[in-house]
Amino acid sequence: MRELILLRHAHAEPAESGQPDIDRPLSPEGLAEAQAAGRWLAEQGLVPDRILCSPARRARETLEAVLEKIGYVEQRLEDAIYEATAGTLAELADSHREAARLMLVGHNPGLERLAALMHSGQSGDYRGMPVASVMVLKLPADASVEPGVATLSAFWWP
């Protein structure tokens, strides 16, 4: 079995006048949420082998706070995660299948739709993924990331 961990970025500050969405930082509340997510991951022993993160500032700051709790792991910024569809995220995750435990740090609706697609087989069948929440999906080691292939083994939110 391998695991795919989905982490939605924590609460961000609203955009200031003229500020691009991609440059929004975490709020103080968001920083606390991201630290809590990192603590939970560490307590559960869910330290990923590799992390792929959106280039958005709020996602990068979420990842930094998580890494303070779980320690350093291999990480890469992936432009494709920002504003990604479930299909784009599935392709990205599938291209890293050699990682036994892969984490994606990104945004909704892409993350929650990917989770629904992998679990139930339908991307429209989702209930929501709150900010700073973590979903852990298990799938066979040799399986492609596709509809209905995974089981949801954990879901946490602050």
Protein backbone atom coordinates (compact mmCIF):
# COMPACT_ATOMS: atom_id res chain seq x y z
CA MET A 1 0.00 0.00 0.00
CA ARG A 2 0.97 3.60 -0.50
CA GLU A 3 -0.53 6.75 0.93
CA LEU A 4 -1.52 10.08 -0.51
CA ILE A 5 -1.84 12.87 2.04
CA LEU A 6 -3.80 15.95 1.00
CA LEU A 7 -3.24 19.12 3.02
CA ARG A 8 -5.29 22.20 2.30
CA HIS A 9 -3.54 25.48 3.09
CA ALA A 10 -4.52 27.22 6.32
CA HIS A 11 -6.49 30.49 6.67
CA ALA A 12 -5.00 33.33 4.65
CA GLU A 13 -5.28 37.07 4.93
CA PRO A 14 -7.67 38.72 2.48
CA ALA A 15 -5.97 40.20 -0.57
CA GLU A 16 -4.93 43.81 -0.20
CA SER A 17 -5.81 46.25 -2.94
CA GLY A 18 -3.98 45.19 -6.09
CA GLN A 19 -2.38 42.16 -4.42
CA PRO A 20 -2.45 39.00 -6.54
CA ASP A 21 -4.25 36.04 -4.94
CA ILE A 22 -1.09 33.92 -5.17
CA ASP A 23 0.72 36.35 -2.82
CA ARG A 24 -1.73 36.23 0.10
CA PRO A 25 0.03 35.26 3.38
CA LEU A 26 -1.31 33.16 6.22
CA SER A 27 -3.22 34.95 8.92
CA PRO A 28 -2.14 34.49 12.57
CA GLU A 29 -5.04 32.03 12.90
CA GLY A 30 -3.81 30.21 9.81
CA LEU A 31 -0.30 29.88 11.22
CA ALA A 32 -1.71 28.26 14.37
CA GLU A 33 -3.83 25.92 12.23
CA ALA A 34 -0.84 24.89 10.12
CA GLN A 35 1.23 24.20 13.25
CA ALA A 36 -1.63 22.08 14.62
CA ALA A 37 -1.75 20.11 11.36
CA GLY A 38 1.98 19.49 11.63
CA ARG A 39 1.62 18.29 15.24
CA TRP A 40 -1.19 15.92 14.23
CA LEU A 41 0.82 14.50 11.33
CA ALA A 42 3.83 13.96 13.63
CA GLU A 43 1.69 12.34 16.35
CA GLN A 44 0.17 9.96 13.78
CA GLY A 45 3.58 9.08 12.33
CA LEU A 46 2.45 10.41 8.95
CA VAL A 47 5.72 11.90 7.77
CA PRO A 48 5.72 11.95 3.96
CA ASP A 49 8.56 10.75 1.77
CA ARG A 50 7.98 13.66 -0.61
CA ILE A 51 5.87 16.82 -0.56
CA LEU A 52 4.60 18.70 -3.60
CA CYS A 53 3.40 22.20 -2.77
CA SER A 54 1.52 24.93 -4.58
CA PRO A 55 3.61 28.04 -5.24
CA ALA A 56 0.96 30.20 -3.53
CA ARG A 57 2.40 31.99 -0.50
CA ARG A 58 -0.31 30.68 1.85
CA ALA A 59 0.45 27.07 0.80
CA ARG A 60 4.21 27.56 1.18
CA GLU A 61 3.75 29.12 4.64
CA THR A 62 1.45 26.24 5.63
CA LEU A 63 4.12 23.78 4.55
CA GLU A 64 6.84 25.65 6.47
CA ALA A 65 4.80 25.47 9.68
CA VAL A 66 4.14 21.75 9.14
CA LEU A 67 7.83 21.04 8.50
CA GLU A 68 8.68 22.69 11.84
CA LYS A 69 6.71 19.86 13.49
CA ILE A 70 7.52 16.84 11.29
CA GLY A 71 11.09 17.67 10.31
CA TYR A 72 12.65 18.15 6.90
CA VAL A 73 11.49 15.96 4.01
CA GLU A 74 12.01 16.17 0.27
CA GLN A 75 9.81 18.94 -1.12
CA ARG A 76 9.14 20.61 -4.42
CA LEU A 77 7.08 23.56 -5.56
CA GLU A 78 4.71 22.51 -8.33
CA ASP A 79 3.12 25.30 -10.33
CA ALA A 80 0.43 22.88 -11.55
CA ILE A 81 -1.11 22.62 -8.05
CA TYR A 82 -2.25 26.25 -7.99
CA GLU A 83 -5.83 26.33 -9.33
CA ALA A 84 -5.57 22.64 -10.28
CA THR A 85 -8.47 20.40 -11.16
CA ALA A 86 -8.84 16.95 -9.62
CA GLY A 87 -7.58 15.47 -12.90
CA THR A 88 -4.42 17.59 -12.87
CA LEU A 89 -3.74 16.63 -9.24
CA ALA A 90 -4.33 12.94 -10.03
CA GLU A 91 -1.83 13.06 -12.90
CA LEU A 92 0.70 14.83 -10.71
CA ALA A 93 0.30 12.31 -7.87
CA ASP A 94 0.52 9.44 -10.33
CA SER A 95 3.80 10.76 -11.72
CA HIS A 96 5.30 10.39 -8.21
CA ARG A 97 4.08 6.89 -7.46
CA GLU A 98 7.57 5.77 -6.39
CA ALA A 99 6.99 7.78 -3.18
CA ALA A 100 5.34 5.45 -0.68
CA ARG A 101 3.83 8.42 1.16
CA LEU A 102 3.25 11.52 -0.97
CA MET A 103 1.77 14.78 0.30
CA LEU A 104 0.12 17.44 -1.83
CA VAL A 105 -0.26 20.91 -0.28
CA GLY A 106 -2.79 22.94 -2.17
CA HIS A 107 -6.25 24.36 -2.58
CA ASN A 108 -9.93 23.64 -2.94
CA PRO A 109 -11.92 22.69 -4.83
CA GLY A 110 -9.18 20.58 -6.46
CA LEU A 111 -8.06 18.72 -3.32
CA GLU A 112 -11.51 17.81 -2.05
CA ARG A 113 -12.62 16.74 -5.53
CA LEU A 114 -9.52 14.56 -5.91
CA ALA A 115 -10.26 12.91 -2.56
CA ALA A 116 -13.88 12.28 -3.56
CA LEU A 117 -12.86 10.94 -6.96
CA MET A 118 -10.30 8.54 -5.52
CA HIS A 119 -12.59 7.39 -2.72
CA SER A 120 -16.09 7.27 -4.20
CA GLY A 121 -15.33 7.47 -7.91
CA GLN A 122 -17.14 10.78 -8.44
CA SER A 123 -15.49 14.17 -8.14
CA GLY A 124 -18.80 15.94 -7.52
CA ASP A 125 -19.47 13.73 -4.48
CA TYR A 126 -17.66 15.75 -1.83
CA ARG A 127 -18.60 17.28 1.49
CA GLY A 128 -15.86 19.84 1.87
CA MET A 129 -12.33 20.09 3.10
CA PRO A 130 -11.85 22.87 5.66
CA VAL A 131 -8.74 25.04 5.66
CA ALA A 132 -5.68 23.31 7.16
CA SER A 133 -7.41 19.94 7.00
CA VAL A 134 -5.64 16.70 6.21
CA MET A 135 -7.00 13.72 4.28
CA VAL A 136 -5.05 10.47 4.13
CA LEU A 137 -5.90 8.10 1.29
CA LYS A 138 -4.53 4.55 0.96
CA LEU A 139 -4.20 2.84 -2.39
CA PRO A 140 -2.47 -0.25 -3.73
CA ALA A 141 1.25 0.29 -4.35
CA ASP A 142 1.00 -0.53 -8.04
CA ALA A 143 -2.32 1.22 -8.72
CA SER A 144 -2.76 4.32 -10.83
CA VAL A 145 -4.49 7.29 -9.24
CA GLU A 146 -7.98 6.82 -10.63
CA PRO A 147 -11.65 6.85 -9.59
CA GLY A 148 -12.54 4.59 -6.66
CA VAL A 149 -9.01 3.25 -6.14
CA ALA A 150 -8.46 4.53 -2.59
CA THR A 151 -9.83 4.24 0.89
CA LEU A 152 -9.97 7.20 3.26
CA SER A 153 -7.91 6.21 6.29
CA ALA A 154 -7.87 9.52 8.18
CA PHE A 155 -9.46 12.96 8.07
CA TRP A 156 -8.38 15.71 10.46
CA TRP A 157 -9.09 19.42 10.73
CA PRO A 158 -8.25 22.05 13.34
